[in-house]
All heavy atoms as atom14 arrays in JSON, in Angstrom:
{
  "sequence": "TKEDFTRTGQQYDLILAANGNRSISDYRRALSPKGIYVQI",
  "atom14_mask": [
    [1, 1, 1, 1, 1, 1, 1, 0, 0, 0, 0, 0, 0, 0],
    [1, 1, 1, 1, 1, 1, 1, 1, 1, 0, 0, 0, 0, 0],
    [1, 1, 1, 1, 1, 1, 1, 1, 1, 0, 0, 0, 0, 0],
    [1, 1, 1, 1, 1, 1, 1, 1, 0, 0, 0, 0, 0, 0],
    [1, 1, 1, 1, 1, 1, 1, 1, 1, 1, 1, 0, 0, 0],
    [1, 1, 1, 1, 1, 1, 1, 0, 0, 0, 0, 0, 0, 0],
    [1, 1, 1, 1, 1, 1, 1, 1, 1, 1, 1, 0, 0, 0],
    [1, 1, 1, 1, 1, 1, 1, 0, 0, 0, 0, 0, 0, 0],
    [1, 1, 1, 1, 0, 0, 0, 0, 0, 0, 0, 0, 0, 0],
    [1, 1, 1, 1, 1, 1, 1, 1, 1, 0, 0, 0, 0, 0],
    [1, 1, 1, 1, 1, 1, 1, 1, 1, 0, 0, 0, 0, 0],
    [1, 1, 1, 1, 1, 1, 1, 1, 1, 1, 1, 1, 0, 0],
    [1, 1, 1, 1, 1, 1, 1, 1, 0, 0, 0, 0, 0, 0],
    [1, 1, 1, 1, 1, 1, 1, 1, 0, 0, 0, 0, 0, 0],
    [1, 1, 1, 1, 1, 1, 1, 1, 0, 0, 0, 0, 0, 0],
    [1, 1, 1, 1, 1, 1, 1, 1, 0, 0, 0, 0, 0, 0],
    [1, 1, 1, 1, 1, 0, 0, 0, 0, 0, 0, 0, 0, 0],
    [1, 1, 1, 1, 1, 0, 0, 0, 0, 0, 0, 0, 0, 0],
    [1, 1, 1, 1, 1, 1, 1, 1, 0, 0, 0, 0, 0, 0],
    [1, 1, 1, 1, 0, 0, 0, 0, 0, 0, 0, 0, 0, 0],
    [1, 1, 1, 1, 1, 1, 1, 1, 0, 0, 0, 0, 0, 0],
    [1, 1, 1, 1, 1, 1, 1, 1, 1, 1, 1, 0, 0, 0],
    [1, 1, 1, 1, 1, 1, 0, 0, 0, 0, 0, 0, 0, 0],
    [1, 1, 1, 1, 1, 1, 1, 1, 0, 0, 0, 0, 0, 0],
    [1, 1, 1, 1, 1, 1, 0, 0, 0, 0, 0, 0, 0, 0],
    [1, 1, 1, 1, 1, 1, 1, 1, 0, 0, 0, 0, 0, 0],
    [1, 1, 1, 1, 1, 1, 1, 1, 1, 1, 1, 1, 0, 0],
    [1, 1, 1, 1, 1, 1, 1, 1, 1, 1, 1, 0, 0, 0],
    [1, 1, 1, 1, 1, 1, 1, 1, 1, 1, 1, 0, 0, 0],
    [1, 1, 1, 1, 1, 0, 0, 0, 0, 0, 0, 0, 0, 0],
    [1, 1, 1, 1, 1, 1, 1, 1, 0, 0, 0, 0, 0, 0],
    [1, 1, 1, 1, 1, 1, 0, 0, 0, 0, 0, 0, 0, 0],
    [1, 1, 1, 1, 1, 1, 1, 0, 0, 0, 0, 0, 0, 0],
    [1, 1, 1, 1, 1, 1, 1, 1, 1, 0, 0, 0, 0, 0],
    [1, 1, 1, 1, 0, 0, 0, 0, 0, 0, 0, 0, 0, 0],
    [1, 1, 1, 1, 1, 1, 1, 1, 0, 0, 0, 0, 0, 0],
    [1, 1, 1, 1, 1, 1, 1, 1, 1, 1, 1, 1, 0, 0],
    [1, 1, 1, 1, 1, 1, 1, 0, 0, 0, 0, 0, 0, 0],
    [1, 1, 1, 1, 1, 1, 1, 1, 1, 0, 0, 0, 0, 0],
    [1, 1, 1, 1, 1, 1, 1, 1, 0, 0, 0, 0, 0, 0]
  ],
  "atom14_positions": [
    [[-31.25, 11.45, 40.84], [-31.29, 12.72, 41.58], [-30.28, 12.74, 42.72], [-30.01, 13.81, 43.29], [-32.69, 12.99, 42.14], [-32.97, 12.06, 43.2], [-33.76, 12.87, 41.07], [0.0, 0.0, 0.0], [0.0, 0.0, 0.0], [0.0, 0.0, 0.0], [0.0, 0.0, 0.0], [0.0, 0.0, 0.0], [0.0, 0.0, 0.0], [0.0, 0.0, 0.0]],
    [[-29.73, 11.57, 43.06], [-28.8, 11.49, 44.19], [-27.43, 10.94, 43.83], [-26.48, 11.1, 44.6], [-29.41, 10.62, 45.3], [-30.71, 11.18, 45.88], [-31.28, 10.26, 46.94], [-32.57, 10.82, 47.52], [-33.17, 9.92, 48.54], [0.0, 0.0, 0.0], [0.0, 0.0, 0.0], [0.0, 0.0, 0.0], [0.0, 0.0, 0.0], [0.0, 0.0, 0.0]],
    [[-27.34, 10.27, 42.69], [-26.09, 9.6, 42.34], [-25.85, 9.68, 40.83], [-26.77, 9.49, 40.04], [-26.14, 8.14, 42.79], [-24.85, 7.38, 42.62], [-24.95, 5.95, 43.17], [-26.05, 5.53, 43.56], [-23.91, 5.28, 43.19], [0.0, 0.0, 0.0], [0.0, 0.0, 0.0], [0.0, 0.0, 0.0], [0.0, 0.0, 0.0], [0.0, 0.0, 0.0]],
    [[-24.61, 9.95, 40.44], [-24.23, 10.02, 39.04], [-23.62, 8.68, 38.63], [-22.51, 8.34, 39.05], [-23.21, 11.15, 38.84], [-22.81, 11.33, 37.38], [-23.14, 10.47, 36.54], [-22.15, 12.35, 37.07], [0.0, 0.0, 0.0], [0.0, 0.0, 0.0], [0.0, 0.0, 0.0], [0.0, 0.0, 0.0], [0.0, 0.0, 0.0], [0.0, 0.0, 0.0]],
    [[-24.34, 7.9, 37.84], [-23.89, 6.56, 37.5], [-22.61, 6.57, 36.67], [-21.91, 5.56, 36.59], [-24.99, 5.78, 36.76], [-25.27, 6.25, 35.35], [-24.55, 5.74, 34.28], [-26.25, 7.19, 35.1], [-24.81, 6.17, 32.98], [-26.52, 7.62, 33.8], [-25.79, 7.12, 32.74], [0.0, 0.0, 0.0], [0.0, 0.0, 0.0], [0.0, 0.0, 0.0]],
    [[-22.28, 7.7, 36.05], [-21.06, 7.76, 35.23], [-19.82, 8.03, 36.05], [-18.71, 8.01, 35.52], [-21.19, 8.85, 34.14], [-21.06, 10.15, 34.74], [-22.49, 8.75, 33.38], [0.0, 0.0, 0.0], [0.0, 0.0, 0.0], [0.0, 0.0, 0.0], [0.0, 0.0, 0.0], [0.0, 0.0, 0.0], [0.0, 0.0, 0.0], [0.0, 0.0, 0.0]],
    [[-19.99, 8.27, 37.36], [-18.84, 8.59, 38.21], [-18.71, 7.65, 39.41], [-18.01, 7.96, 40.37], [-18.93, 10.04, 38.69], [-18.85, 11.04, 37.54], [-18.7, 12.47, 37.99], [-18.59, 13.39, 36.86], [-17.45, 13.62, 36.18], [-16.34, 13.0, 36.55], [-17.43, 14.45, 35.16], [0.0, 0.0, 0.0], [0.0, 0.0, 0.0], [0.0, 0.0, 0.0]],
    [[-19.37, 6.52, 39.37], [-19.27, 5.56, 40.47], [-18.07, 4.64, 40.32], [-17.7, 3.94, 41.27], [-20.54, 4.7, 40.54], [-20.66, 3.94, 39.32], [-21.79, 5.56, 40.74], [0.0, 0.0, 0.0], [0.0, 0.0, 0.0], [0.0, 0.0, 0.0], [0.0, 0.0, 0.0], [0.0, 0.0, 0.0], [0.0, 0.0, 0.0], [0.0, 0.0, 0.0]],
    [[-17.49, 4.6, 39.13], [-16.4, 3.66, 38.86], [-16.88, 2.34, 38.31], [-16.09, 1.54, 37.8], [0.0, 0.0, 0.0], [0.0, 0.0, 0.0], [0.0, 0.0, 0.0], [0.0, 0.0, 0.0], [0.0, 0.0, 0.0], [0.0, 0.0, 0.0], [0.0, 0.0, 0.0], [0.0, 0.0, 0.0], [0.0, 0.0, 0.0], [0.0, 0.0, 0.0]],
    [[-18.19, 2.08, 38.38], [-18.76, 0.86, 37.83], [-18.84, 0.99, 36.3], [-19.21, 2.04, 35.77], [-20.17, 0.62, 38.39], [-20.88, -0.59, 37.82], [-20.18, -1.89, 38.2], [-20.02, -2.19, 39.38], [-19.76, -2.64, 37.21], [0.0, 0.0, 0.0], [0.0, 0.0, 0.0], [0.0, 0.0, 0.0], [0.0, 0.0, 0.0], [0.0, 0.0, 0.0]],
    [[-18.48, -0.07, 35.6], [-18.57, -0.08, 34.15], [-19.5, -1.18, 33.68], [-19.66, -2.21, 34.34], [-17.17, -0.25, 33.53], [-16.26, 0.95, 33.78], [-14.94, 0.83, 33.05], [-14.35, -0.24, 32.96], [-14.45, 1.94, 32.51], [0.0, 0.0, 0.0], [0.0, 0.0, 0.0], [0.0, 0.0, 0.0], [0.0, 0.0, 0.0], [0.0, 0.0, 0.0]],
    [[-20.08, -0.95, 32.51], [-21.12, -1.84, 32.01], [-20.79, -2.34, 30.61], [-20.18, -1.64, 29.8], [-22.46, -1.1, 32.0], [-22.85, -0.59, 33.36], [-22.47, 0.69, 33.79], [-23.57, -1.39, 34.24], [-22.8, 1.15, 35.05], [-23.89, -0.93, 35.52], [-23.52, 0.34, 35.91], [-23.84, 0.78, 37.17], [0.0, 0.0, 0.0], [0.0, 0.0, 0.0]],
    [[-21.21, -3.58, 30.34], [-21.0, -4.17, 29.02], [-21.92, -3.57, 27.97], [-21.58, -3.5, 26.79], [-21.23, -5.68, 29.08], [-20.32, -6.36, 30.08], [-19.08, -6.25, 29.93], [-20.83, -6.99, 31.03], [0.0, 0.0, 0.0], [0.0, 0.0, 0.0], [0.0, 0.0, 0.0], [0.0, 0.0, 0.0], [0.0, 0.0, 0.0], [0.0, 0.0, 0.0]],
    [[-23.1, -3.15, 28.41], [-24.06, -2.52, 27.51], [-24.79, -1.42, 28.24], [-25.26, -1.62, 29.37], [-25.09, -3.56, 27.0], [-26.31, -3.03, 26.25], [-25.91, -2.31, 24.97], [-27.29, -4.15, 25.94], [0.0, 0.0, 0.0], [0.0, 0.0, 0.0], [0.0, 0.0, 0.0], [0.0, 0.0, 0.0], [0.0, 0.0, 0.0], [0.0, 0.0, 0.0]],
    [[-24.89, -0.25, 27.61], [-25.71, 0.84, 28.12], [-26.74, 1.18, 27.06], [-26.4, 1.46, 25.92], [-24.87, 2.1, 28.45], [-23.89, 1.81, 29.59], [-25.78, 3.27, 28.82], [-22.96, 2.97, 29.9], [0.0, 0.0, 0.0], [0.0, 0.0, 0.0], [0.0, 0.0, 0.0], [0.0, 0.0, 0.0], [0.0, 0.0, 0.0], [0.0, 0.0, 0.0]],
    [[-28.01, 1.16, 27.46], [-29.1, 1.59, 26.59], [-29.63, 2.91, 27.14], [-30.1, 2.98, 28.28], [-30.23, 0.56, 26.57], [-29.95, -0.76, 25.85], [-31.11, -1.71, 26.03], [-29.7, -0.53, 24.37], [0.0, 0.0, 0.0], [0.0, 0.0, 0.0], [0.0, 0.0, 0.0], [0.0, 0.0, 0.0], [0.0, 0.0, 0.0], [0.0, 0.0, 0.0]],
    [[-29.55, 3.96, 26.35], [-30.03, 5.28, 26.77], [-31.42, 5.48, 26.21], [-31.6, 5.88, 25.06], [-29.09, 6.37, 26.28], [0.0, 0.0, 0.0], [0.0, 0.0, 0.0], [0.0, 0.0, 0.0], [0.0, 0.0, 0.0], [0.0, 0.0, 0.0], [0.0, 0.0, 0.0], [0.0, 0.0, 0.0], [0.0, 0.0, 0.0], [0.0, 0.0, 0.0]],
    [[-32.42, 5.18, 27.02], [-33.81, 5.34, 26.61], [-34.35, 6.71, 26.96], [-35.45, 7.08, 26.54], [-34.68, 4.26, 27.26], [0.0, 0.0, 0.0], [0.0, 0.0, 0.0], [0.0, 0.0, 0.0], [0.0, 0.0, 0.0], [0.0, 0.0, 0.0], [0.0, 0.0, 0.0], [0.0, 0.0, 0.0], [0.0, 0.0, 0.0], [0.0, 0.0, 0.0]],
    [[-33.58, 7.47, 27.72], [-33.97, 8.82, 28.11], [-32.73, 9.52, 28.63], [-31.66, 8.94, 28.73], [-35.07, 8.79, 29.17], [-35.95, 10.03, 29.12], [-35.54, 11.06, 28.59], [-37.15, 9.95, 29.65], [0.0, 0.0, 0.0], [0.0, 0.0, 0.0], [0.0, 0.0, 0.0], [0.0, 0.0, 0.0], [0.0, 0.0, 0.0], [0.0, 0.0, 0.0]],
    [[-32.87, 10.78, 28.98], [-31.76, 11.49, 29.59], [-31.12, 12.5, 28.66], [-31.48, 12.63, 27.5], [0.0, 0.0, 0.0], [0.0, 0.0, 0.0], [0.0, 0.0, 0.0], [0.0, 0.0, 0.0], [0.0, 0.0, 0.0], [0.0, 0.0, 0.0], [0.0, 0.0, 0.0], [0.0, 0.0, 0.0], [0.0, 0.0, 0.0], [0.0, 0.0, 0.0]],
    [[-30.15, 13.2, 29.22], [-29.43, 14.22, 28.48], [-27.97, 14.23, 28.91], [-27.44, 15.22, 29.38], [-30.06, 15.6, 28.7], [-29.45, 16.68, 27.84], [-28.88, 16.38, 26.79], [-29.53, 17.92, 28.28], [0.0, 0.0, 0.0], [0.0, 0.0, 0.0], [0.0, 0.0, 0.0], [0.0, 0.0, 0.0], [0.0, 0.0, 0.0], [0.0, 0.0, 0.0]],
    [[-27.31, 13.08, 28.78], [-25.92, 12.95, 29.14], [-25.05, 13.05, 27.89], [-25.45, 12.67, 26.8], [-25.67, 11.59, 29.83], [-26.52, 11.31, 31.05], [-26.39, 12.38, 32.12], [-25.03, 12.52, 32.6], [-24.59, 12.06, 33.76], [-25.43, 11.43, 34.57], [-23.34, 12.24, 34.14], [0.0, 0.0, 0.0], [0.0, 0.0, 0.0], [0.0, 0.0, 0.0]],
    [[-23.82, 13.52, 28.07], [-22.9, 13.61, 26.95], [-22.37, 12.23, 26.6], [-22.36, 11.31, 27.44], [-21.74, 14.53, 27.29], [-20.9, 13.93, 28.25], [0.0, 0.0, 0.0], [0.0, 0.0, 0.0], [0.0, 0.0, 0.0], [0.0, 0.0, 0.0], [0.0, 0.0, 0.0], [0.0, 0.0, 0.0], [0.0, 0.0, 0.0], [0.0, 0.0, 0.0]],
    [[-21.92, 12.07, 25.38], [-21.39, 10.78, 24.96], [-20.13, 10.43, 25.73], [-19.83, 9.26, 25.98], [-21.17, 10.75, 23.43], [-21.07, 9.31, 22.94], [-19.95, 11.58, 23.04], [-21.19, 9.17, 21.44], [0.0, 0.0, 0.0], [0.0, 0.0, 0.0], [0.0, 0.0, 0.0], [0.0, 0.0, 0.0], [0.0, 0.0, 0.0], [0.0, 0.0, 0.0]],
    [[-19.38, 11.45, 26.18], [-18.19, 11.19, 26.99], [-18.56, 10.63, 28.36], [-17.84, 9.81, 28.93], [-17.34, 12.46, 27.14], [-18.1, 13.49, 27.75], [0.0, 0.0, 0.0], [0.0, 0.0, 0.0], [0.0, 0.0, 0.0], [0.0, 0.0, 0.0], [0.0, 0.0, 0.0], [0.0, 0.0, 0.0], [0.0, 0.0, 0.0], [0.0, 0.0, 0.0]],
    [[-19.7, 11.07, 28.91], [-20.18, 10.5, 30.17], [-20.46, 9.02, 30.01], [-20.05, 8.19, 30.83], [-21.47, 11.21, 30.62], [-21.23, 12.6, 31.17], [-20.07, 12.91, 31.51], [-22.19, 13.38, 31.25], [0.0, 0.0, 0.0], [0.0, 0.0, 0.0], [0.0, 0.0, 0.0], [0.0, 0.0, 0.0], [0.0, 0.0, 0.0], [0.0, 0.0, 0.0]],
    [[-21.2, 8.69, 28.95], [-21.52, 7.28, 28.72], [-20.26, 6.46, 28.46], [-20.15, 5.32, 28.92], [-22.48, 7.16, 27.53], [-23.91, 7.56, 27.85], [-24.5, 8.66, 27.23], [-24.66, 6.84, 28.77], [-25.81, 9.02, 27.51], [-25.98, 7.2, 29.06], [-26.54, 8.29, 28.44], [-27.83, 8.65, 28.73], [0.0, 0.0, 0.0], [0.0, 0.0, 0.0]],
    [[-19.33, 7.04, 27.73], [-18.1, 6.32, 27.43], [-17.34, 5.97, 28.7], [-16.75, 4.88, 28.82], [-17.24, 7.18, 26.5], [-16.07, 6.44, 25.89], [-15.3, 7.33, 24.93], [-14.26, 6.6, 24.23], [-13.4, 7.14, 23.39], [-13.46, 8.44, 23.14], [-12.48, 6.39, 22.8], [0.0, 0.0, 0.0], [0.0, 0.0, 0.0], [0.0, 0.0, 0.0]],
    [[-17.37, 6.87, 29.66], [-16.69, 6.63, 30.94], [-17.3, 5.45, 31.7], [-16.6, 4.73, 32.41], [-16.75, 7.9, 31.79], [-15.95, 7.85, 33.07], [-15.8, 9.23, 33.7], [-17.08, 9.89, 33.92], [-17.47, 11.02, 33.31], [-16.67, 11.61, 32.43], [-18.63, 11.57, 33.57], [0.0, 0.0, 0.0], [0.0, 0.0, 0.0], [0.0, 0.0, 0.0]],
    [[-18.59, 5.25, 31.51], [-19.28, 4.18, 32.23], [-19.26, 2.85, 31.48], [-19.76, 1.84, 31.98], [-20.71, 4.59, 32.52], [0.0, 0.0, 0.0], [0.0, 0.0, 0.0], [0.0, 0.0, 0.0], [0.0, 0.0, 0.0], [0.0, 0.0, 0.0], [0.0, 0.0, 0.0], [0.0, 0.0, 0.0], [0.0, 0.0, 0.0], [0.0, 0.0, 0.0]],
    [[-18.7, 2.84, 30.27], [-18.63, 1.61, 29.47], [-17.38, 0.8, 29.81], [-16.31, 1.36, 30.06], [-18.6, 1.93, 27.98], [-19.91, 2.03, 27.2], [-19.58, 2.26, 25.72], [-20.79, 0.82, 27.38], [0.0, 0.0, 0.0], [0.0, 0.0, 0.0], [0.0, 0.0, 0.0], [0.0, 0.0, 0.0], [0.0, 0.0, 0.0], [0.0, 0.0, 0.0]],
    [[-17.49, -0.51, 29.78], [-16.32, -1.37, 29.88], [-15.46, -1.19, 28.63], [-15.93, -0.65, 27.62], [-16.75, -2.83, 30.03], [-17.45, -3.25, 28.87], [0.0, 0.0, 0.0], [0.0, 0.0, 0.0], [0.0, 0.0, 0.0], [0.0, 0.0, 0.0], [0.0, 0.0, 0.0], [0.0, 0.0, 0.0], [0.0, 0.0, 0.0], [0.0, 0.0, 0.0]],
    [[-14.19, -1.62, 28.66], [-13.3, -1.38, 27.52], [-13.85, -1.87, 26.18], [-13.58, -1.27, 25.14], [-12.03, -2.15, 27.9], [-12.02, -2.1, 29.4], [-13.46, -2.21, 29.8], [0.0, 0.0, 0.0], [0.0, 0.0, 0.0], [0.0, 0.0, 0.0], [0.0, 0.0, 0.0], [0.0, 0.0, 0.0], [0.0, 0.0, 0.0], [0.0, 0.0, 0.0]],
    [[-14.64, -2.93, 26.17], [-15.25, -3.44, 24.94], [-16.77, -3.31, 24.98], [-17.49, -4.05, 24.31], [-14.83, -4.88, 24.71], [-13.35, -5.05, 24.43], [-13.01, -6.48, 24.06], [-11.51, -6.61, 23.75], [-11.15, -8.0, 23.37], [0.0, 0.0, 0.0], [0.0, 0.0, 0.0], [0.0, 0.0, 0.0], [0.0, 0.0, 0.0], [0.0, 0.0, 0.0]],
    [[-17.25, -2.35, 25.76], [-18.68, -2.18, 25.94], [-19.36, -1.54, 24.75], [-18.72, -0.98, 23.85], [0.0, 0.0, 0.0], [0.0, 0.0, 0.0], [0.0, 0.0, 0.0], [0.0, 0.0, 0.0], [0.0, 0.0, 0.0], [0.0, 0.0, 0.0], [0.0, 0.0, 0.0], [0.0, 0.0, 0.0], [0.0, 0.0, 0.0], [0.0, 0.0, 0.0]],
    [[-20.7, -1.62, 24.76], [-21.53, -1.09, 23.68], [-22.54, -0.11, 24.26], [-23.18, -0.39, 25.28], [-22.28, -2.22, 22.95], [-21.27, -3.2, 22.32], [-23.19, -1.66, 21.86], [-21.93, -4.45, 21.75], [0.0, 0.0, 0.0], [0.0, 0.0, 0.0], [0.0, 0.0, 0.0], [0.0, 0.0, 0.0], [0.0, 0.0, 0.0], [0.0, 0.0, 0.0]],
    [[-22.64, 1.05, 23.63], [-23.63, 2.06, 24.01], [-24.58, 2.27, 22.85], [-24.16, 2.47, 21.7], [-22.93, 3.38, 24.35], [-23.83, 4.6, 24.31], [-24.76, 4.84, 25.32], [-23.74, 5.52, 23.26], [-25.58, 5.96, 25.29], [-24.56, 6.64, 23.22], [-25.48, 6.86, 24.23], [-26.29, 7.95, 24.19], [0.0, 0.0, 0.0], [0.0, 0.0, 0.0]],
    [[-25.88, 2.22, 23.15], [-26.9, 2.43, 22.12], [-27.86, 3.5, 22.59], [-28.48, 3.38, 23.66], [-27.69, 1.13, 21.82], [-28.71, 1.39, 20.72], [-26.75, 0.01, 21.41], [0.0, 0.0, 0.0], [0.0, 0.0, 0.0], [0.0, 0.0, 0.0], [0.0, 0.0, 0.0], [0.0, 0.0, 0.0], [0.0, 0.0, 0.0], [0.0, 0.0, 0.0]],
    [[-28.0, 4.56, 21.81], [-28.93, 5.64, 22.11], [-30.25, 5.34, 21.42], [-30.33, 5.21, 20.2], [-28.35, 6.98, 21.63], [-29.09, 8.2, 22.09], [-30.2, 8.59, 21.12], [-30.09, 8.35, 19.93], [-31.26, 9.17, 21.65], [0.0, 0.0, 0.0], [0.0, 0.0, 0.0], [0.0, 0.0, 0.0], [0.0, 0.0, 0.0], [0.0, 0.0, 0.0]],
    [[-31.33, 5.17, 22.21], [-32.65, 4.87, 21.65], [-33.71, 5.87, 22.11], [-34.89, 5.66, 21.91], [-33.11, 3.43, 22.01], [-33.09, 3.19, 23.52], [-32.25, 2.4, 21.3], [-33.62, 1.83, 23.93], [0.0, 0.0, 0.0], [0.0, 0.0, 0.0], [0.0, 0.0, 0.0], [0.0, 0.0, 0.0], [0.0, 0.0, 0.0], [0.0, 0.0, 0.0]]
  ]
}
């Protein structure tokens, strides 16, 4: 409610989306170059 994790500049090796309504481009921005995103 206060911070957008996709725009902090921090990148992650793995993102698990257990909830939410973000676009895949948002998640891609927060992934490291060889990161993995899984929508569950």
